[in-house]
Protein backbone atom coordinates (compact mmCIF):
# COMPACT_ATOMS: atom_id res chain seq x y z
CA MET A 1 -12.39 50.94 76.23
CA PHE A 2 -8.88 49.28 75.91
CA ALA A 3 -8.57 46.59 78.35
CA ASP A 4 -5.24 44.64 78.43
CA ARG A 5 -5.67 42.50 81.61
CA ALA A 6 -8.34 40.44 83.16
CA LYS A 7 -8.65 37.94 86.08
CA ILE A 8 -11.16 35.12 85.65
CA ILE A 9 -12.05 31.67 87.09
CA ILE A 10 -12.30 28.81 84.51
CA ARG A 11 -13.97 25.35 85.04
CA SER A 12 -13.86 22.38 82.84
CA GLY A 13 -16.73 19.90 82.84
CA LYS A 14 -17.06 16.99 85.30
CA GLY A 15 -17.05 13.65 84.02
CA GLY A 16 -20.43 11.83 84.02
CA ASP A 17 -20.80 9.00 86.65
CA GLY A 18 -20.87 5.45 85.56
CA HIS A 19 -24.29 3.73 85.96
CA VAL A 20 -25.19 0.75 88.11
CA SER A 21 -27.99 -1.25 86.56
CA PHE A 22 -28.80 -5.11 85.73
CA ARG A 23 -30.45 -6.58 82.61
CA ARG A 24 -33.81 -7.67 83.75
CA GLU A 25 -35.95 -8.90 80.69
CA LYS A 26 -38.57 -11.64 80.40
CA TYR A 27 -36.82 -15.03 80.29
CA ILE A 28 -33.57 -13.65 81.15
CA PRO A 29 -33.93 -13.04 85.17
CA ASP A 30 -30.25 -12.73 85.63
CA GLY A 31 -28.79 -10.93 82.75
CA GLY A 32 -25.82 -9.55 84.53
CA PRO A 33 -24.76 -5.88 84.97
CA ASP A 34 -25.47 -3.52 82.13
CA GLY A 35 -24.47 -0.11 83.54
CA GLY A 36 -23.37 2.49 80.91
CA ASP A 37 -20.19 4.72 81.04
CA GLY A 38 -20.55 8.35 81.90
CA GLY A 39 -19.71 11.14 79.33
CA ARG A 40 -16.52 13.19 79.33
CA GLY A 41 -16.57 16.68 80.64
CA GLY A 42 -16.12 19.65 78.49
CA ASP A 43 -12.58 21.30 77.69
CA ILE A 44 -11.70 25.00 78.38
CA ILE A 45 -10.09 26.18 75.13
CA PHE A 46 -8.48 29.46 74.41
CA GLU A 47 -8.49 30.54 70.66
CA VAL A 48 -7.02 33.53 68.87
CA ASP A 49 -9.85 35.87 67.13
CA ASP A 50 -8.25 38.33 64.61
CA GLY A 51 -11.40 40.54 65.13
CA GLU A 52 -10.62 41.12 68.86
CA ASN A 53 -7.84 43.72 70.11
CA THR A 54 -8.83 44.15 73.82
CA LEU A 55 -9.71 41.77 76.73
CA ILE A 56 -13.00 43.90 77.44
CA ASP A 57 -15.30 40.78 77.25
CA TYR A 58 -13.54 39.48 80.36
CA ARG A 59 -13.90 42.48 82.60
CA HIS A 60 -17.42 42.03 83.28
CA ARG A 61 -17.85 38.47 83.66
CA ARG A 62 -15.74 36.66 86.22
CA LYS A 63 -16.51 32.81 85.76
CA PHE A 64 -16.57 30.63 82.68
CA ALA A 65 -17.42 26.86 82.87
CA ALA A 66 -17.72 24.02 80.14
CA GLY A 67 -20.46 21.44 80.04
CA ASP A 68 -20.53 18.52 82.50
CA GLY A 69 -20.76 15.08 80.89
CA GLU A 70 -23.82 13.19 81.45
CA PRO A 71 -24.09 9.95 83.54
CA GLY A 72 -24.05 6.60 81.96
CA GLY A 73 -27.69 4.70 81.52
CA LYS A 74 -29.28 1.41 81.58
CA ARG A 75 -28.51 -1.24 78.81
CA ARG A 76 -25.04 0.04 78.32
CA CYS A 77 -25.99 3.35 77.25
CA HIS A 78 -23.04 5.93 77.22
CA GLY A 79 -23.80 9.38 78.68
CA ALA A 80 -23.33 12.32 76.25
CA ASP A 81 -20.16 14.37 76.58
CA GLY A 82 -20.23 17.82 77.83
CA ASP A 83 -19.75 20.72 75.51
CA ASN A 84 -16.32 22.41 75.14
CA LEU A 85 -16.11 26.18 76.00
CA ILE A 86 -13.99 28.05 73.42
CA LEU A 87 -12.97 31.52 74.83
CA LYS A 88 -11.93 34.14 72.10
CA VAL A 89 -8.91 36.07 72.74
CA PRO A 90 -6.83 38.75 70.82
CA ALA A 91 -3.42 37.54 69.46
CA GLY A 92 -0.78 38.10 71.91
CA THR A 93 -2.61 37.08 75.08
CA VAL A 94 -0.78 35.25 77.75
CA VAL A 95 -2.68 33.09 80.13
CA LYS A 96 -1.04 32.96 83.69
CA GLU A 97 -1.76 31.01 86.93
CA ALA A 98 -3.22 33.76 89.12
CA GLN A 99 -1.47 32.87 92.30
CA SER A 100 2.18 32.10 91.13
CA GLY A 101 2.06 34.34 87.95
CA GLN A 102 3.67 31.55 85.86
CA VAL A 103 2.81 31.32 82.20
CA ILE A 104 0.44 28.54 81.01
CA ALA A 105 0.10 29.42 77.43
CA ASP A 106 1.15 32.47 74.93
CA LEU A 107 -1.57 32.76 72.29
CA SER A 108 1.05 34.30 69.80
CA GLY A 109 2.63 33.20 66.53
CA GLU A 110 1.52 29.72 65.43
CA ASN A 111 -0.08 28.99 68.62
CA ARG A 112 -3.62 30.17 67.85
CA ARG A 113 -5.66 27.46 69.89
CA GLN A 114 -4.70 25.67 72.97
CA THR A 115 -6.65 23.50 75.50
CA ILE A 116 -5.97 24.91 79.08
CA LEU A 117 -8.18 22.64 81.23
CA ARG A 118 -9.42 19.33 80.16
CA GLY A 119 -12.77 17.79 81.09
CA GLY A 120 -12.94 15.05 83.58
CA ARG A 121 -13.22 11.55 82.39
CA GLY A 122 -16.45 9.69 82.49
CA GLY A 123 -16.61 6.82 84.92
CA TYR A 124 -17.01 3.33 84.10
CA GLY A 125 -20.48 1.59 84.38
CA ASN A 126 -20.74 -1.37 86.69
CA MET A 127 -20.76 -3.76 83.40
CA HIS A 128 -16.91 -3.29 83.43
CA TYR A 129 -16.53 -4.83 86.94
CA ALA A 130 -18.00 -8.20 86.69
CA THR A 131 -15.67 -11.05 87.66
CA PRO A 132 -15.87 -14.74 88.02
CA THR A 133 -16.02 -14.15 91.71
CA MET A 134 -18.15 -10.82 91.45
CA GLN A 135 -20.90 -11.54 89.00
CA ALA A 136 -23.12 -8.79 90.19
CA PRO A 137 -21.13 -5.69 91.15
CA LYS A 138 -23.04 -2.97 92.77
CA TYR A 139 -20.79 -0.04 92.22
CA ALA A 140 -19.71 1.98 89.25
CA GLN A 141 -16.84 4.52 88.90
CA PRO A 142 -17.61 8.10 89.57
CA GLY A 143 -16.76 10.74 86.88
CA GLN A 144 -13.54 12.52 87.40
CA GLU A 145 -14.03 15.88 89.05
CA ALA A 146 -14.30 19.24 87.13
CA LYS A 147 -11.09 21.15 87.13
CA GLU A 148 -11.11 24.91 88.24
CA LEU A 149 -8.44 27.42 88.15
CA GLU A 150 -7.95 31.11 88.46
CA VAL A 151 -6.00 32.62 85.61
CA ILE A 152 -4.78 36.11 84.54
CA LEU A 153 -5.17 37.26 80.89
CA GLU A 154 -2.49 39.67 79.89
CA LEU A 155 -2.52 41.15 76.38
CA LYS A 156 1.14 41.85 75.21
CA LEU A 157 1.06 43.77 72.03
CA ILE A 158 3.12 42.00 69.29
CA ALA A 159 5.15 44.84 67.93
CA ASP A 160 8.77 44.87 66.23
CA VAL A 161 9.53 48.15 67.84
CA GLY A 162 8.16 49.99 70.90
CA LEU A 163 8.31 53.83 71.52
CA ILE A 164 9.29 54.70 75.11
CA GLY A 165 9.82 57.83 76.96
CA PHE A 166 8.40 60.24 79.39
CA PRO A 167 5.12 61.85 78.72
CA ASN A 168 4.71 64.69 76.33
CA VAL A 169 8.03 64.11 74.53
CA GLY A 170 6.32 63.44 71.26
CA LYS A 171 5.89 59.73 70.87
CA SER A 172 2.30 59.88 69.43
CA THR A 173 3.34 62.73 67.01
CA PHE A 174 6.27 60.53 65.70
CA LEU A 175 3.77 57.42 65.50
CA SER A 176 1.39 59.52 63.39
CA ARG A 177 4.00 60.76 61.07
CA VAL A 178 5.67 57.47 60.28
CA THR A 179 2.65 55.08 60.31
CA ASN A 180 -1.05 55.19 59.43
CA ALA A 181 -1.87 55.31 63.07
CA THR A 182 -4.04 58.18 64.38
CA PRO A 183 -3.32 58.74 68.05
CA LYS A 184 -4.89 61.41 70.04
CA ILE A 185 -2.14 64.15 70.36
CA ALA A 186 -2.15 67.34 72.63
CA ASN A 187 0.18 69.17 74.79
CA TYR A 188 -0.43 67.66 78.18
CA HIS A 189 0.61 64.50 80.01
CA PHE A 190 -1.05 61.31 79.51
CA THR A 191 -2.85 62.17 76.20
CA THR A 192 -2.12 58.45 75.22
CA LEU A 193 -4.21 56.29 77.63
CA SER A 194 -3.82 53.18 75.52
CA PRO A 195 -0.95 51.53 73.35
CA ASN A 196 -1.15 52.42 69.67
CA LEU A 197 -0.11 50.39 67.12
CA GLY A 198 1.09 51.40 63.29
CA VAL A 199 2.74 49.70 60.36
CA VAL A 200 5.97 51.63 58.87
CA ASP A 201 5.82 51.00 55.18
CA MET A 202 9.48 51.15 53.79
CA GLU A 203 11.30 49.69 50.79
CA GLY A 204 12.83 46.34 51.61
CA GLY A 205 10.43 45.59 54.29
CA GLY A 206 8.27 47.26 57.02
CA PHE A 207 7.77 46.77 60.63
CA VAL A 208 5.16 47.17 63.37
CA ILE A 209 5.69 50.06 65.76
CA ALA A 210 3.81 50.63 69.15
CA ASP A 211 3.40 53.87 71.12
CA ILE A 212 3.73 52.80 74.77
CA PRO A 213 2.03 55.28 77.17
CA GLY A 214 4.28 57.61 78.89
CA LEU A 215 6.43 56.04 81.56
CA ILE A 216 7.31 58.07 84.91
CA GLU A 217 9.80 57.46 87.53
CA GLY A 218 8.44 54.62 89.84
CA ALA A 219 6.45 53.15 87.05
CA SER A 220 7.78 49.58 87.80
CA ASP A 221 6.20 49.84 91.31
CA GLY A 222 2.82 50.94 90.02
CA ALA A 223 3.22 54.77 89.81
CA GLY A 224 1.31 56.61 86.98
CA LEU A 225 0.02 54.90 83.88
CA GLY A 226 3.54 53.16 83.01
CA HIS A 227 2.71 50.18 85.25
CA GLU A 228 -0.38 49.32 83.19
CA PHE A 229 1.57 49.19 79.95
CA LEU A 230 5.16 48.16 80.81
CA ARG A 231 3.97 44.71 79.65
CA HIS A 232 3.71 45.69 76.14
CA VAL A 233 7.33 46.56 75.96
CA GLU A 234 8.15 42.76 76.64
CA ARG A 235 7.47 41.56 73.14
CA THR A 236 9.44 44.39 71.25
CA LYS A 237 12.76 43.56 69.74
CA VAL A 238 14.05 47.03 69.50
CA MET A 239 13.02 50.34 71.54
CA ILE A 240 13.18 53.84 70.27
CA HIS A 241 13.67 56.07 73.31
CA ILE A 242 12.38 59.47 72.45
CA VAL A 243 13.37 62.38 74.55
CA ASP A 244 12.73 66.16 74.54
CA ALA A 245 16.09 67.47 73.54
CA ALA A 246 14.87 70.90 73.66
CA SER A 247 13.84 70.61 77.43
CA VAL A 248 10.62 72.22 76.66
CA GLU A 249 9.42 71.33 80.05
CA GLY A 250 12.82 72.09 81.94
CA ARG A 251 13.59 68.21 81.92
CA ASP A 252 17.27 66.92 81.56
CA PRO A 253 17.08 64.43 78.48
CA VAL A 254 20.23 62.64 79.84
CA ASP A 255 18.72 62.01 83.18
CA ASP A 256 15.33 60.97 81.54
CA ILE A 257 16.96 58.29 79.65
CA TYR A 258 18.69 56.78 82.71
CA LYS A 259 15.53 56.98 84.84
CA ILE A 260 13.31 55.29 82.10
CA ASN A 261 15.95 52.43 81.62
CA ALA A 262 16.04 52.06 85.42
CA GLU A 263 12.16 51.41 85.29
CA LEU A 264 12.78 48.87 82.48
CA ARG A 265 15.18 47.07 84.42
CA ALA A 266 13.27 47.02 87.57
CA TYR A 267 10.18 45.74 85.84
CA ARG A 268 12.25 42.91 83.95
CA ALA A 269 15.98 42.75 84.12
CA ASP A 270 16.74 42.01 80.36
CA LEU A 271 14.55 44.93 78.92
CA ALA A 272 17.11 47.72 79.23
CA ASP A 273 19.68 45.56 77.60
CA ARG A 274 17.67 45.15 74.36
CA PRO A 275 18.51 47.07 71.28
CA GLN A 276 17.81 50.74 71.89
CA VAL A 277 18.03 53.83 69.61
CA ILE A 278 17.75 57.35 71.04
CA ALA A 279 15.51 59.81 69.17
CA ALA A 280 16.34 63.29 70.52
CA ASN A 281 13.20 65.14 69.44
CA LYS A 282 12.20 68.59 68.81
CA LEU A 283 15.25 69.84 66.99
CA ASP A 284 13.00 72.34 65.46
CA VAL A 285 12.70 74.30 68.62
CA LEU A 286 16.37 73.86 69.53
CA PRO A 287 18.66 77.08 69.63
CA GLU A 288 21.44 77.15 67.38
CA GLU A 289 24.99 76.09 68.38
CA GLY A 290 26.19 78.63 70.99
CA GLU A 291 28.78 78.96 73.73
CA MET A 292 26.97 76.29 75.72
CA GLU A 293 27.23 72.70 74.39
CA HIS A 294 24.42 71.71 72.21
CA PRO A 295 21.85 69.00 73.98
CA LEU A 296 22.32 66.67 70.86
CA SER A 297 26.06 66.69 71.20
CA GLN A 298 25.62 66.06 75.10
CA LEU A 299 23.56 63.15 74.28
CA LYS A 300 25.78 61.61 71.72
CA LYS A 301 28.71 61.99 73.98
CA GLU A 302 26.88 60.25 76.87
CA PHE A 303 25.41 57.31 75.18
CA GLU A 304 27.18 56.61 71.94
CA PRO A 305 30.22 55.24 73.79
CA LYS A 306 27.71 52.89 75.43
CA GLY A 307 26.83 51.54 71.91
CA ILE A 308 23.34 53.34 71.92
CA PRO A 309 23.13 55.40 68.79
CA VAL A 310 21.71 58.85 68.93
CA PHE A 311 19.56 60.54 66.12
CA GLY A 312 18.31 64.12 66.19
CA ILE A 313 14.78 64.44 64.77
CA SER A 314 11.81 66.57 64.72
CA ALA A 315 8.53 64.68 64.74
CA VAL A 316 6.59 67.78 63.76
CA SER A 317 8.75 68.62 60.58
CA GLY A 318 10.02 65.20 59.77
CA GLN A 319 13.71 66.26 59.92
CA GLY A 320 16.08 63.21 60.47
CA VAL A 321 13.05 60.80 60.78
CA ARG A 322 13.97 58.75 57.69
CA LYS A 323 17.69 58.25 58.42
CA LEU A 324 16.39 57.01 61.88
CA LEU A 325 13.87 54.53 60.30
CA LEU A 326 16.40 53.17 58.18
CA TYR A 327 18.87 52.48 60.88
CA VAL A 328 15.93 50.52 62.68
CA GLN A 329 15.22 48.64 59.74
CA CYS A 330 18.95 47.42 59.37
CA LEU A 331 18.89 46.53 62.96
CA LEU A 332 15.67 44.45 62.82
CA ARG A 333 17.15 42.42 59.78
CA GLU A 334 20.00 41.33 62.21
CA LEU A 335 17.64 40.11 64.74
CA PRO A 336 15.70 36.91 64.61
CA SER A 337 12.26 37.20 62.70
CA GLU A 338 10.24 35.06 65.05
CA PRO A 339 7.97 36.93 67.49
CA VAL A 340 9.03 37.18 71.17
CA LEU A 341 7.05 34.40 72.91
CA PHE A 342 6.68 33.40 76.49
CA GLU A 343 7.52 29.64 77.35
CA PRO A 344 5.11 27.70 79.47
CA GLU A 345 5.98 27.33 82.96
CA TYR A 346 2.84 25.86 84.75
CA ASP A 347 0.78 22.68 83.51
CA PRO A 348 -2.55 22.62 85.04
CA GLN A 349 -2.86 18.72 83.94
CA LEU A 350 -0.19 17.99 86.48
CA HIS A 351 -2.37 19.32 89.49
CA TYR A 352 -5.41 17.05 88.48
CA THR A 353 -4.37 13.69 88.31
CA GLY A 354 -6.56 11.93 90.91
CA GLN A 355 -9.59 9.65 89.89
CA LYS A 356 -11.87 8.31 92.38
CA LEU A 357 -12.01 4.62 93.09
CA PRO A 358 -15.03 2.71 92.41
CA PHE A 359 -16.13 0.96 95.67
CA THR A 360 -19.30 0.55 97.80
CA VAL A 361 -19.41 0.87 101.63
CA GLU A 362 -22.70 -0.81 103.12
CA ARG A 363 -24.10 -1.88 106.31
CA SER A 364 -24.53 -5.84 106.11
CA ALA A 365 -28.16 -6.66 105.83
CA GLY A 366 -28.08 -9.70 108.00
CA GLU A 367 -25.57 -8.87 110.55
CA ALA A 368 -25.68 -6.45 113.16
CA HIS A 369 -22.59 -3.96 113.59
CA THR A 370 -21.03 -5.40 110.35
CA TYR A 371 -20.07 -3.25 107.12
CA VAL A 372 -19.19 -4.60 103.85
CA VAL A 373 -16.58 -2.83 101.43
CA GLU A 374 -16.27 -3.95 97.94
CA GLY A 375 -14.39 -2.65 94.75
CA PRO A 376 -12.28 -3.92 91.87
CA ARG A 377 -8.97 -2.30 92.81
CA ILE A 378 -9.72 -3.05 96.49
CA GLU A 379 -9.93 -6.75 95.79
CA ARG A 380 -6.71 -6.66 93.56
CA MET A 381 -4.99 -4.66 96.38
CA LEU A 382 -5.69 -7.51 98.91
CA GLY A 383 -4.14 -9.97 96.45
CA TYR A 384 -0.65 -8.36 96.54
CA THR A 385 -0.60 -6.88 99.92
CA ASN A 386 1.00 -8.92 102.94
CA LEU A 387 -1.08 -7.86 105.81
CA GLU A 388 0.85 -10.01 108.32
CA SER A 389 3.84 -7.53 107.90
CA GLU A 390 3.85 -4.23 109.70
CA LYS A 391 4.64 -2.24 106.48
CA GLY A 392 1.83 -4.17 104.49
CA PHE A 393 -0.79 -3.23 107.17
CA GLN A 394 0.21 0.25 107.20
CA PHE A 395 0.03 0.52 103.38
CA PHE A 396 -3.57 -1.05 103.72
CA GLN A 397 -4.69 1.54 106.35
CA ASN A 398 -3.45 4.44 104.11
CA PHE A 399 -5.20 3.08 101.18
CA LEU A 400 -8.43 2.92 103.13
CA ARG A 401 -7.84 6.62 104.31
CA GLU A 402 -6.51 8.12 101.15
CA ASN A 403 -9.48 6.74 99.00
CA GLY A 404 -12.21 8.06 101.43
CA ILE A 405 -13.34 4.67 102.61
CA LEU A 406 -12.84 5.38 106.28
CA ASP A 407 -14.73 8.61 105.81
CA GLN A 408 -17.60 6.69 104.34
CA LEU A 409 -17.61 4.15 107.21
CA GLU A 410 -17.70 7.09 109.63
CA GLU A 411 -20.56 8.68 107.59
CA LEU A 412 -22.65 5.20 108.14
CA GLY A 413 -22.26 5.52 111.82
CA ILE A 414 -19.49 2.72 112.43
CA GLN A 415 -18.23 2.53 116.04
CA ASP A 416 -15.24 1.10 117.77
CA GLY A 417 -15.48 -2.68 117.95
CA ASP A 418 -17.70 -2.98 114.76
CA THR A 419 -16.81 -5.53 112.23
CA VAL A 420 -15.44 -4.42 108.57
CA ARG A 421 -15.65 -7.29 105.89
CA ILE A 422 -13.56 -6.73 102.59
CA TYR A 423 -13.99 -9.89 100.61
CA ASN A 424 -12.12 -12.66 102.62
CA LEU A 425 -10.60 -10.27 105.03
CA GLN A 426 -12.50 -9.31 108.34
CA PHE A 427 -11.33 -7.05 111.13
CA ASP A 428 -12.59 -5.17 113.95
CA TYR A 429 -12.73 -1.22 113.59
CA TYR A 430 -10.93 1.07 115.90
CA LYS A 431 -10.53 4.70 115.31
CA GLU A 432 -6.98 6.00 115.51
């Protein structure tokens, strides 16, 4: 089964919590804090696997998580780091943020491995927080939270040339003639249910060509199968637009070209402006020139003044095919050799910048209705904040609220009028 799109949830590892402990050995009754640091959480990494060509592995499993870091231990023991999770994808996979659709990474070209979510940092143990005024800190830093993100994986085939056109115009027959590909071919609509890739071998350099399943009118809005495969046209540098010049099914080839180009433009504005060559197929069943204008002449008159060359071919007999391929080869030489890549638009790291403060909130053991708050950054904050000014006191209140200190006081059951002591500062609590 060909799967070129999947939506999954990825989660990096949580950082291990720092540990609170004190050295207690014989003859060393007051050895000081020795709590170790927590381990780092594992990363989520996407890596190209040349043995993969679909995203089928991500269709039947929804969530993927890296390992959490282990908490620190006694005697300054550092917690073990969490295991990274490496997700294998085929070359050409684009990772997008699910809600916005913005590109996070394009696993193409030289970019074969990229870390998408970094694991949380491990928290510091209480051995880091001893100061001359606080020689027995009873707090440690929690590990940074895990990062979770819903992403869309889209496989956009890496091909130099894309074959486009309505169903049953001969794209698969053309591909099988000019490359080593063996697509399924039959005389009914939507024989091609997945894109096919082939390599055109020519003197002076070959190129990769992709048969994109037949588009129909309304494809850019989700009609037919075209909506599923329009994404594969996005990387192509040149498009060969194949039409049924013989009108075997009664279609107008000129009208077909305009309709397909309208779908390309509706899907992505610049697609219809990329270099395009029209292959007027089925010359072998066209009638001889008569009183009516020949279909090939009609196509040339309509599109060549617009800068779109028209070649008459027969995919069955091979008539005119080499001339078309030589023109496409020359066209590709004039274009940049680098593959079409999608620039990053979304950085998951910018959305996870917070780190919890290390602090403790406790009831005072010897005083009723009194709560004690301690922590190294809280102590430093008090040193540079002027609580006598209105702005300074407002900053202090926001600091307590934003770091969850007020929430913890309420969880412990603090009531209006109870006392809160933070180092040398003491105030009565009143809920806003």
